């Protein structure tokens, strides 16, 4: 498995891209993975905005925007060893703060 969290982002990053970058930075504190932001199409594993963990794209359930629950479900599906409760709480806090503006 690729030990990288990649955010496929537009340049400059807009609302969802900024949210996904914040999610990735938070996940890097919980998973043994580094964060990379891909702005060039040649470097992207998916259309921006996208969050790619360990080489796998985590897809939003509503096909529009990732939620903390989508991310935790995606990580759980990969069989990663991490504290899912802590991850969910941290991601929800980021979502709330960014949505409040």
PDB file of N, CA and C in Angstrom:
ATOM      1  N   UNK A   1       0.836  -1.178   0.000  1.00  0.00           N
ATOM      2  CA  UNK A   1       0.000   0.000   0.000  1.00  0.00           C
ATOM      3  C   UNK A   1       0.884   1.245   0.000  1.00  0.00           C
ATOM      4  N   UNK A   2       0.513   2.230  -0.812  1.00  0.00           N
ATOM      5  CA  UNK A   2       1.197   3.518  -0.868  1.00  0.00           C
ATOM      6  C   UNK A   2       1.018   4.221   0.471  1.00  0.00           C
ATOM      7  N   UNK A   3       2.100   4.606   1.123  1.00  0.00           N
ATOM      8  CA  UNK A   3       2.037   5.252   2.437  1.00  0.00           C
ATOM      9  C   UNK A   3       1.937   6.763   2.284  1.00  0.00           C
ATOM     10  N   UNK A   4       0.902   7.205   1.565  1.00  0.00           N
ATOM     11  CA  UNK A   4       0.755   8.619   1.268  1.00  0.00           C
ATOM     12  C   UNK A   4      -0.723   8.999   1.296  1.00  0.00           C
ATOM     13  N   UNK A   5      -0.980  10.197   1.797  1.00  0.00           N
ATOM     14  CA  UNK A   5      -2.305  10.803   1.707  1.00  0.00           C
ATOM     15  C   UNK A   5      -2.159  11.907   0.670  1.00  0.00           C
ATOM     16  N   UNK A   6      -2.889  11.803  -0.419  1.00  0.00           N
ATOM     17  CA  UNK A   6      -2.792  12.788  -1.492  1.00  0.00           C
ATOM     18  C   UNK A   6      -4.119  13.506  -1.650  1.00  0.00           C
ATOM     19  N   UNK A   7      -4.047  14.817  -1.750  1.00  0.00           N
ATOM     20  CA  UNK A   7      -5.221  15.615  -2.073  1.00  0.00           C
ATOM     21  C   UNK A   7      -5.044  16.083  -3.505  1.00  0.00           C
ATOM     22  N   UNK A   8      -5.991  15.749  -4.368  1.00  0.00           N
ATOM     23  CA  UNK A   8      -6.008  16.249  -5.738  1.00  0.00           C
ATOM     24  C   UNK A   8      -6.784  17.557  -5.681  1.00  0.00           C
ATOM     25  N   UNK A   9      -6.098  18.661  -5.948  1.00  0.00           N
ATOM     26  CA  UNK A   9      -6.674  19.982  -5.722  1.00  0.00           C
ATOM     27  C   UNK A   9      -6.581  20.867  -6.952  1.00  0.00           C
ATOM     28  N   UNK A  10      -7.533  21.771  -7.054  1.00  0.00           N
ATOM     29  CA  UNK A  10      -7.438  22.831  -8.043  1.00  0.00           C
ATOM     30  C   UNK A  10      -6.451  23.863  -7.518  1.00  0.00           C
ATOM     31  N   UNK A  11      -5.920  24.673  -8.423  1.00  0.00           N
ATOM     32  CA  UNK A  11      -4.995  25.718  -8.014  1.00  0.00           C
ATOM     33  C   UNK A  11      -5.510  27.056  -8.518  1.00  0.00           C
ATOM     34  N   UNK A  12      -5.812  27.962  -7.615  1.00  0.00           N
ATOM     35  CA  UNK A  12      -5.708  27.858  -6.163  1.00  0.00           C
ATOM     36  C   UNK A  12      -6.847  27.007  -5.605  1.00  0.00           C
ATOM     37  N   UNK A  13      -6.626  26.408  -4.435  1.00  0.00           N
ATOM     38  CA  UNK A  13      -7.668  25.572  -3.852  1.00  0.00           C
ATOM     39  C   UNK A  13      -8.873  26.402  -3.421  1.00  0.00           C
ATOM     40  N   UNK A  14     -10.059  25.868  -3.695  1.00  0.00           N
ATOM     41  CA  UNK A  14     -11.302  26.517  -3.281  1.00  0.00           C
ATOM     42  C   UNK A  14     -11.849  25.859  -2.035  1.00  0.00           C
ATOM     43  N   UNK A  15     -13.147  25.967  -1.818  1.00  0.00           N
ATOM     44  CA  UNK A  15     -13.779  25.485  -0.598  1.00  0.00           C
ATOM     45  C   UNK A  15     -13.578  24.014  -0.289  1.00  0.00           C
ATOM     46  N   UNK A  16     -14.002  23.125  -1.202  1.00  0.00           N
ATOM     47  CA  UNK A  16     -13.852  21.690  -0.939  1.00  0.00           C
ATOM     48  C   UNK A  16     -12.402  21.277  -0.924  1.00  0.00           C
ATOM     49  N   UNK A  17     -11.590  21.860  -1.800  1.00  0.00           N
ATOM     50  CA  UNK A  17     -10.157  21.526  -1.808  1.00  0.00           C
ATOM     51  C   UNK A  17      -9.512  21.908  -0.482  1.00  0.00           C
ATOM     52  N   UNK A  18      -9.852  23.078   0.042  1.00  0.00           N
ATOM     53  CA  UNK A  18      -9.305  23.496   1.346  1.00  0.00           C
ATOM     54  C   UNK A  18      -9.758  22.550   2.449  1.00  0.00           C
ATOM     55  N   UNK A  19     -11.015  22.119   2.396  1.00  0.00           N
ATOM     56  CA  UNK A  19     -11.544  21.174   3.379  1.00  0.00           C
ATOM     57  C   UNK A  19     -10.772  19.860   3.305  1.00  0.00           C
ATOM     58  N   UNK A  20     -10.565  19.344   2.099  1.00  0.00           N
ATOM     59  CA  UNK A  20      -9.863  18.066   1.934  1.00  0.00           C
ATOM     60  C   UNK A  20      -8.413  18.168   2.381  1.00  0.00           C
ATOM     61  N   UNK A  21      -7.772  19.322   2.143  1.00  0.00           N
ATOM     62  CA  UNK A  21      -6.393  19.524   2.609  1.00  0.00           C
ATOM     63  C   UNK A  21      -6.359  19.498   4.137  1.00  0.00           C
ATOM     64  N   UNK A  22      -7.338  20.146   4.772  1.00  0.00           N
ATOM     65  CA  UNK A  22      -7.400  20.130   6.240  1.00  0.00           C
ATOM     66  C   UNK A  22      -7.648  18.712   6.748  1.00  0.00           C
ATOM     67  N   UNK A  23      -8.527  17.958   6.077  1.00  0.00           N
ATOM     68  CA  UNK A  23      -8.756  16.559   6.449  1.00  0.00           C
ATOM     69  C   UNK A  23      -7.447  15.775   6.357  1.00  0.00           C
ATOM     70  N   UNK A  24      -6.713  15.945   5.252  1.00  0.00           N
ATOM     71  CA  UNK A  24      -5.465  15.198   5.043  1.00  0.00           C
ATOM     72  C   UNK A  24      -4.441  15.524   6.128  1.00  0.00           C
ATOM     73  N   UNK A  25      -4.303  16.796   6.450  1.00  0.00           N
ATOM     74  CA  UNK A  25      -3.357  17.193   7.495  1.00  0.00           C
ATOM     75  C   UNK A  25      -3.714  16.553   8.830  1.00  0.00           C
ATOM     76  N   UNK A  26      -5.005  16.486   9.122  1.00  0.00           N
ATOM     77  CA  UNK A  26      -5.459  15.861  10.362  1.00  0.00           C
ATOM     78  C   UNK A  26      -5.184  14.354  10.355  1.00  0.00           C
ATOM     79  N   UNK A  27      -5.467  13.699   9.236  1.00  0.00           N
ATOM     80  CA  UNK A  27      -5.232  12.259   9.130  1.00  0.00           C
ATOM     81  C   UNK A  27      -3.760  11.912   9.281  1.00  0.00           C
ATOM     82  N   UNK A  28      -2.881  12.802   8.820  1.00  0.00           N
ATOM     83  CA  UNK A  28      -1.441  12.542   8.916  1.00  0.00           C
ATOM     84  C   UNK A  28      -0.999  12.425  10.368  1.00  0.00           C
ATOM     85  N   UNK A  29      -1.750  13.040  11.273  1.00  0.00           N
ATOM     86  CA  UNK A  29      -1.434  12.913  12.692  1.00  0.00           C
ATOM     87  C   UNK A  29      -1.915  11.610  13.292  1.00  0.00           C
ATOM     88  N   UNK A  30      -2.782  10.903  12.571  1.00  0.00           N
ATOM     89  CA  UNK A  30      -3.354   9.654  13.075  1.00  0.00           C
ATOM     90  C   UNK A  30      -2.837   8.412  12.349  1.00  0.00           C
ATOM     91  N   UNK A  31      -2.360   8.598  11.137  1.00  0.00           N
ATOM     92  CA  UNK A  31      -1.881   7.482  10.316  1.00  0.00           C
ATOM     93  C   UNK A  31      -0.385   7.680  10.035  1.00  0.00           C
ATOM     94  N   UNK A  32       0.343   6.597   9.863  1.00  0.00           N
ATOM     95  CA  UNK A  32       1.770   6.736   9.539  1.00  0.00           C
ATOM     96  C   UNK A  32       1.960   7.048   8.051  1.00  0.00           C
ATOM     97  N   UNK A  33       1.409   8.187   7.616  1.00  0.00           N
ATOM     98  CA  UNK A  33       1.470   8.575   6.204  1.00  0.00           C
ATOM     99  C   UNK A  33       1.778  10.052   6.076  1.00  0.00           C
ATOM    100  N   UNK A  34       2.489  10.396   5.030  1.00  0.00           N
ATOM    101  CA  UNK A  34       2.783  11.795   4.719  1.00  0.00           C
ATOM    102  C   UNK A  34       1.674  12.348   3.825  1.00  0.00           C
ATOM    103  N   UNK A  35       1.582  13.672   3.775  1.00  0.00           N
ATOM    104  CA  UNK A  35       0.575  14.339   2.948  1.00  0.00           C
ATOM    105  C   UNK A  35       1.244  14.969   1.736  1.00  0.00           C
ATOM    106  N   UNK A  36       0.563  14.851   0.608  1.00  0.00           N
ATOM    107  CA  UNK A  36       1.028  15.470  -0.634  1.00  0.00           C
ATOM    108  C   UNK A  36      -0.170  16.131  -1.298  1.00  0.00           C
ATOM    109  N   UNK A  37       0.025  17.331  -1.809  1.00  0.00           N
ATOM    110  CA  UNK A  37      -1.023  18.027  -2.544  1.00  0.00           C
ATOM    111  C   UNK A  37      -0.638  17.975  -4.021  1.00  0.00           C
ATOM    112  N   UNK A  38      -1.527  17.431  -4.843  1.00  0.00           N
ATOM    113  CA  UNK A  38      -1.278  17.329  -6.282  1.00  0.00           C
ATOM    114  C   UNK A  38      -2.107  18.386  -7.000  1.00  0.00           C
ATOM    115  N   UNK A  39      -1.422  19.305  -7.682  1.00  0.00           N
ATOM    116  CA  UNK A  39      -2.101  20.348  -8.448  1.00  0.00           C
ATOM    117  C   UNK A  39      -2.059  20.061  -9.941  1.00  0.00           C
ATOM    118  N   UNK A  40      -1.034  19.358 -10.396  1.00  0.00           N
ATOM    119  CA  UNK A  40      -0.876  19.059 -11.821  1.00  0.00           C
ATOM    120  C   UNK A  40      -1.683  17.819 -12.188  1.00  0.00           C
ATOM    121  N   UNK A  41      -2.397  17.894 -13.295  1.00  0.00           N
ATOM    122  CA  UNK A  41      -3.244  16.773 -13.719  1.00  0.00           C
ATOM    123  C   UNK A  41      -2.461  15.473 -13.846  1.00  0.00           C
ATOM    124  N   UNK A  42      -1.230  15.535 -14.287  1.00  0.00           N
ATOM    125  CA  UNK A  42      -0.421  14.326 -14.467  1.00  0.00           C
ATOM    126  C   UNK A  42      -0.156  13.619 -13.147  1.00  0.00           C
ATOM    127  N   UNK A  43      -0.212  14.353 -12.038  1.00  0.00           N
ATOM    128  CA  UNK A  43       0.057  13.768 -10.722  1.00  0.00           C
ATOM    129  C   UNK A  43      -1.202  13.258 -10.032  1.00  0.00           C
ATOM    130  N   UNK A  44      -2.362  13.507 -10.613  1.00  0.00           N
ATOM    131  CA  UNK A  44      -3.622  13.221  -9.927  1.00  0.00           C
ATOM    132  C   UNK A  44      -4.148  11.820 -10.192  1.00  0.00           C
ATOM    133  N   UNK A  45      -4.662  11.203  -9.133  1.00  0.00           N
ATOM    134  CA  UNK A  45      -5.281   9.885  -9.244  1.00  0.00           C
ATOM    135  C   UNK A  45      -6.775  10.014  -9.523  1.00  0.00           C
ATOM    136  N   UNK A  46      -7.321  11.232  -9.385  1.00  0.00           N
ATOM    137  CA  UNK A  46      -8.755  11.473  -9.586  1.00  0.00           C
ATOM    138  C   UNK A  46      -8.973  12.943  -9.878  1.00  0.00           C
ATOM    139  N   UNK A  47     -10.173  13.276 -10.363  1.00  0.00           N
ATOM    140  CA  UNK A  47     -10.546  14.671 -10.607  1.00  0.00           C
ATOM    141  C   UNK A  47     -10.621  15.420  -9.291  1.00  0.00           C
ATOM    142  N   UNK A  48     -10.123  16.649  -9.254  1.00  0.00           N
ATOM    143  CA  UNK A  48     -10.227  17.418  -8.016  1.00  0.00           C
ATOM    144  C   UNK A  48     -11.661  17.889  -7.764  1.00  0.00           C
ATOM    145  N   UNK A  49     -12.025  18.048  -6.542  1.00  0.00           N
ATOM    146  CA  UNK A  49     -11.255  17.693  -5.364  1.00  0.00           C
ATOM    147  C   UNK A  49     -11.375  16.203  -5.070  1.00  0.00           C
ATOM    148  N   UNK A  50     -10.309  15.614  -4.585  1.00  0.00           N
ATOM    149  CA  UNK A  50     -10.326  14.198  -4.231  1.00  0.00           C
ATOM    150  C   UNK A  50      -9.322  13.943  -3.119  1.00  0.00           C
ATOM    151  N   UNK A  51      -9.642  12.962  -2.294  1.00  0.00           N
ATOM    152  CA  UNK A  51      -8.757  12.524  -1.220  1.00  0.00           C
ATOM    153  C   UNK A  51      -8.373  11.087  -1.523  1.00  0.00           C
ATOM    154  N   UNK A  52      -7.070  10.856  -1.624  1.00  0.00           N
ATOM    155  CA  UNK A  52      -6.542   9.533  -1.955  1.00  0.00           C
ATOM    156  C   UNK A  52      -5.674   9.081  -0.788  1.00  0.00           C
ATOM    157  N   UNK A  53      -6.022   7.955  -0.189  1.00  0.00           N
ATOM    158  CA  UNK A  53      -5.285   7.437   0.964  1.00  0.00           C
ATOM    159  C   UNK A  53      -4.739   6.066   0.595  1.00  0.00           C
ATOM    160  N   UNK A  54      -3.423   5.926   0.724  1.00  0.00           N
ATOM    161  CA  UNK A  54      -2.812   4.638   0.411  1.00  0.00           C
ATOM    162  C   UNK A  54      -3.068   4.188  -1.008  1.00  0.00           C
ATOM    163  N   UNK A  55      -3.186   5.138  -1.930  1.00  0.00           N
ATOM    164  CA  UNK A  55      -3.422   4.802  -3.329  1.00  0.00           C
ATOM    165  C   UNK A  55      -4.872   4.579  -3.698  1.00  0.00           C
ATOM    166  N   UNK A  56      -5.780   4.678  -2.734  1.00  0.00           N
ATOM    167  CA  UNK A  56      -7.212   4.474  -2.992  1.00  0.00           C
ATOM    168  C   UNK A  56      -7.986   5.777  -2.842  1.00  0.00           C
ATOM    169  N   UNK A  57      -8.812   6.065  -3.822  1.00  0.00           N
ATOM    170  CA  UNK A  57      -9.661   7.251  -3.757  1.00  0.00           C
ATOM    171  C   UNK A  57     -10.795   6.985  -2.780  1.00  0.00           C
ATOM    172  N   UNK A  58     -10.987   7.910  -1.841  1.00  0.00           N
ATOM    173  CA  UNK A  58     -12.127   7.814  -0.932  1.00  0.00           C
ATOM    174  C   UNK A  58     -13.251   8.626  -1.550  1.00  0.00           C
ATOM    175  N   UNK A  59     -14.328   7.952  -1.897  1.00  0.00           N
ATOM    176  CA  UNK A  59     -15.429   8.595  -2.609  1.00  0.00           C
ATOM    177  C   UNK A  59     -16.503   9.094  -1.646  1.00  0.00           C
ATOM    178  N   UNK A  60     -17.051  10.270  -1.945  1.00  0.00           N
ATOM    179  CA  UNK A  60     -18.150  10.773  -1.114  1.00  0.00           C
ATOM    180  C   UNK A  60     -19.425   9.981  -1.376  1.00  0.00           C
ATOM    181  N   UNK A  61     -20.165   9.697  -0.318  1.00  0.00           N
ATOM    182  CA  UNK A  61     -21.408   8.931  -0.453  1.00  0.00           C
ATOM    183  C   UNK A  61     -22.429   9.665  -1.309  1.00  0.00           C
ATOM    184  N   UNK A  62     -22.413  11.002  -1.251  1.00  0.00           N
ATOM    185  CA  UNK A  62     -23.382  11.779  -2.030  1.00  0.00           C
ATOM    186  C   UNK A  62     -22.840  12.180  -3.398  1.00  0.00           C
ATOM    187  N   UNK A  63     -21.676  11.680  -3.758  1.00  0.00           N
ATOM    188  CA  UNK A  63     -21.011  11.959  -5.032  1.00  0.00           C
ATOM    189  C   UNK A  63     -20.636  13.425  -5.193  1.00  0.00           C
ATOM    190  N   UNK A  64     -20.649  14.208  -4.107  1.00  0.00           N
ATOM    191  CA  UNK A  64     -20.299  15.619  -4.194  1.00  0.00           C
ATOM    192  C   UNK A  64     -19.206  16.026  -3.212  1.00  0.00           C
ATOM    193  N   UNK A  65     -19.432  15.801  -1.905  1.00  0.00           N
ATOM    194  CA  UNK A  65     -18.482  16.264  -0.907  1.00  0.00           C
ATOM    195  C   UNK A  65     -18.251  15.203   0.161  1.00  0.00           C
ATOM    196  N   UNK A  66     -16.971  14.958   0.455  1.00  0.00           N
ATOM    197  CA  UNK A  66     -16.614  14.001   1.498  1.00  0.00           C
ATOM    198  C   UNK A  66     -17.050  14.497   2.865  1.00  0.00           C
ATOM    199  N   UNK A  67     -17.542  13.569   3.657  1.00  0.00           N
ATOM    200  CA  UNK A  67     -17.860  13.850   5.051  1.00  0.00           C
ATOM    201  C   UNK A  67     -16.874  13.076   5.921  1.00  0.00           C
ATOM    202  N   UNK A  68     -16.768  13.442   7.182  1.00  0.00           N
ATOM    203  CA  UNK A  68     -15.921  12.648   8.079  1.00  0.00           C
ATOM    204  C   UNK A  68     -16.332  11.171   8.093  1.00  0.00           C
ATOM    205  N   UNK A  69     -17.620  10.917   8.029  1.00  0.00           N
ATOM    206  CA  UNK A  69     -18.110   9.532   8.030  1.00  0.00           C
ATOM    207  C   UNK A  69     -17.658   8.784   6.782  1.00  0.00           C
ATOM    208  N   UNK A  70     -17.663   9.456   5.624  1.00  0.00           N
ATOM    209  CA  UNK A  70     -17.168   8.837   4.387  1.00  0.00           C
ATOM    210  C   UNK A  70     -15.695   8.442   4.524  1.00  0.00           C
ATOM    211  N   UNK A  71     -14.919   9.338   5.123  1.00  0.00           N
ATOM    212  CA  UNK A  71     -13.479   9.092   5.256  1.00  0.00           C
ATOM    213  C   UNK A  71     -13.221   7.912   6.184  1.00  0.00           C
ATOM    214  N   UNK A  72     -13.874   7.898   7.330  1.00  0.00           N
ATOM    215  CA  UNK A  72     -13.679   6.789   8.278  1.00  0.00           C
ATOM    216  C   UNK A  72     -14.136   5.473   7.653  1.00  0.00           C
ATOM    217  N   UNK A  73     -15.250   5.479   6.944  1.00  0.00           N
ATOM    218  CA  UNK A  73     -15.716   4.256   6.271  1.00  0.00           C
ATOM    219  C   UNK A  73     -14.692   3.790   5.239  1.00  0.00           C
ATOM    220  N   UNK A  74     -14.110   4.739   4.503  1.00  0.00           N
ATOM    221  CA  UNK A  74     -13.087   4.387   3.519  1.00  0.00           C
ATOM    222  C   UNK A  74     -11.845   3.809   4.163  1.00  0.00           C
ATOM    223  N   UNK A  75     -11.412   4.416   5.257  1.00  0.00           N
ATOM    224  CA  UNK A  75     -10.235   3.901   5.971  1.00  0.00           C
ATOM    225  C   UNK A  75     -10.516   2.526   6.559  1.00  0.00           C
ATOM    226  N   UNK A  76     -11.705   2.350   7.125  1.00  0.00           N
ATOM    227  CA  UNK A  76     -12.066   1.044   7.690  1.00  0.00           C
ATOM    228  C   UNK A  76     -12.061  -0.037   6.612  1.00  0.00           C
ATOM    229  N   UNK A  77     -12.502   0.328   5.404  1.00  0.00           N
ATOM    230  CA  UNK A  77     -12.520  -0.617   4.291  1.00  0.00           C
ATOM    231  C   UNK A  77     -11.137  -1.025   3.815  1.00  0.00           C
ATOM    232  N   UNK A  78     -10.143  -0.261   4.198  1.00  0.00           N
ATOM    233  CA  UNK A  78      -8.749  -0.573   3.826  1.00  0.00           C
ATOM    234  C   UNK A  78      -8.066  -1.447   4.857  1.00  0.00           C
ATOM    235  N   UNK A  79      -8.722  -1.647   5.997  1.00  0.00           N
ATOM    236  CA  UNK A  79      -8.141  -2.475   7.044  1.00  0.00           C
ATOM    237  C   UNK A  79      -6.980  -1.820   7.773  1.00  0.00           C
ATOM    238  N   UNK A  80      -6.946  -0.492   7.779  1.00  0.00           N
ATOM    239  CA  UNK A  80      -5.863   0.220   8.474  1.00  0.00           C
ATOM    240  C   UNK A  80      -6.048   0.139   9.980  1.00  0.00           C
ATOM    241  N   UNK A  81      -4.949   0.135  10.684  1.00  0.00           N
ATOM    242  CA  UNK A  81      -4.977   0.133  12.140  1.00  0.00           C
ATOM    243  C   UNK A  81      -4.858   1.579  12.617  1.00  0.00           C
ATOM    244  N   UNK A  82      -5.947   2.107  13.179  1.00  0.00           N
ATOM    245  CA  UNK A  82      -5.964   3.480  13.672  1.00  0.00           C
ATOM    246  C   UNK A  82      -7.146   3.623  14.614  1.00  0.00           C
ATOM    247  N   UNK A  83      -7.211   4.725  15.323  1.00  0.00           N
ATOM    248  CA  UNK A  83      -8.307   4.991  16.252  1.00  0.00           C
ATOM    249  C   UNK A  83      -9.431   5.679  15.486  1.00  0.00           C
ATOM    250  N   UNK A  84     -10.417   4.914  15.044  1.00  0.00           N
ATOM    251  CA  UNK A  84     -11.481   5.470  14.211  1.00  0.00           C
ATOM    252  C   UNK A  84     -12.339   6.492  14.961  1.00  0.00           C
ATOM    253  N   UNK A  85     -12.533   6.305  16.247  1.00  0.00           N
ATOM    254  CA  UNK A  85     -13.312   7.267  17.033  1.00  0.00           C
ATOM    255  C   UNK A  85     -12.599   8.611  17.110  1.00  0.00           C
ATOM    256  N   UNK A  86     -11.295   8.581  17.343  1.00  0.00           N
ATOM    257  CA  UNK A  86     -10.514   9.819  17.391  1.00  0.00           C
ATOM    258  C   UNK A  86     -10.489  10.489  16.027  1.00  0.00           C
ATOM    259  N   UNK A  87     -10.345   9.700  14.977  1.00  0.00           N
ATOM    260  CA  UNK A  87     -10.326  10.256  13.621  1.00  0.00           C
ATOM    261  C   UNK A  87     -11.650  10.929  13.307  1.00  0.00           C
ATOM    262  N   UNK A  88     -12.752  10.265  13.610  1.00  0.00           N
ATOM    263  CA  UNK A  88     -14.072  10.828  13.326  1.00  0.00           C
ATOM    264  C   UNK A  88     -14.279  12.134  14.081  1.00  0.00           C
ATOM    265  N   UNK A  89     -13.939  12.156  15.358  1.00  0.00           N
ATOM    266  CA  UNK A  89     -14.112  13.366  16.160  1.00  0.00           C
ATOM    267  C   UNK A  89     -13.254  14.513  15.613  1.00  0.00           C
ATOM    268  N   UNK A  90     -12.035  14.217  15.248  1.00  0.00           N
ATOM    269  CA  UNK A  90     -11.118  15.236  14.732  1.00  0.00           C
ATOM    270  C   UNK A  90     -11.616  15.780  13.386  1.00  0.00           C
ATOM    271  N   UNK A  91     -12.027  14.893  12.509  1.00  0.00           N
ATOM    272  CA  UNK A  91     -12.522  15.302  11.194  1.00  0.00           C
ATOM    273  C   UNK A  91     -13.818  16.093  11.309  1.00  0.00           C
ATOM    274  N   UNK A  92     -14.690  15.697  12.223  1.00  0.00           N
ATOM    275  CA  UNK A  92     -15.936  16.435  12.433  1.00  0.00           C
ATOM    276  C   UNK A  92     -15.652  17.841  12.954  1.00  0.00           C
ATOM    277  N   UNK A  93     -14.648  17.971  13.800  1.00  0.00           N
ATOM    278  CA  UNK A  93     -14.271  19.286  14.326  1.00  0.00           C
ATOM    279  C   UNK A  93     -13.753  20.185  13.202  1.00  0.00           C
ATOM    280  N   UNK A  94     -12.945  19.629  12.319  1.00  0.00           N
ATOM    281  CA  UNK A  94     -12.433  20.388  11.171  1.00  0.00           C
ATOM    282  C   UNK A  94     -13.590  20.825  10.281  1.00  0.00           C
ATOM    283  N   UNK A  95     -14.484  19.897   9.979  1.00  0.00           N
ATOM    284  CA  UNK A  95     -15.636  20.206   9.129  1.00  0.00           C
ATOM    285  C   UNK A  95     -16.452  21.349   9.741  1.00  0.00           C
ATOM    286  N   UNK A  96     -16.722  21.249  11.031  1.00  0.00           N
ATOM    287  CA  UNK A  96     -17.535  22.271  11.708  1.00  0.00           C
ATOM    288  C   UNK A  96     -16.854  23.634  11.648  1.00  0.00           C
ATOM    289  N   UNK A  97     -15.555  23.660  11.951  1.00  0.00           N
ATOM    290  CA  UNK A  97     -14.823  24.933  11.958  1.00  0.00           C
ATOM    291  C   UNK A  97     -14.770  25.578  10.584  1.00  0.00           C
ATOM    292  N   UNK A  98     -14.516  24.772   9.554  1.00  0.00           N
ATOM    293  CA  UNK A  98     -14.430  25.323   8.202  1.00  0.00           C
ATOM    294  C   UNK A  98     -15.794  25.742   7.653  1.00  0.00           C
ATOM    295  N   UNK A  99     -16.823  25.027   8.031  1.00  0.00           N
ATOM    296  CA  UNK A  99     -18.164  25.369   7.559  1.00  0.00           C
ATOM    297  C   UNK A  99     -18.696  26.634   8.243  1.00  0.00           C
ATOM    298  N   UNK A 100     -18.253  26.863   9.487  1.00  0.00           N
ATOM    299  CA  UNK A 100     -18.674  28.055  10.212  1.00  0.00           C
ATOM    300  C   UNK A 100     -17.982  29.295   9.645  1.00  0.00           C
ATOM    301  N   UNK A 101     -16.831  29.063   9.033  1.00  0.00           N
ATOM    302  CA  UNK A 101     -16.116  30.121   8.353  1.00  0.00           C
ATOM    303  C   UNK A 101     -15.318  31.001   9.192  1.00  0.00           C
TER     304      UNK A 101
END
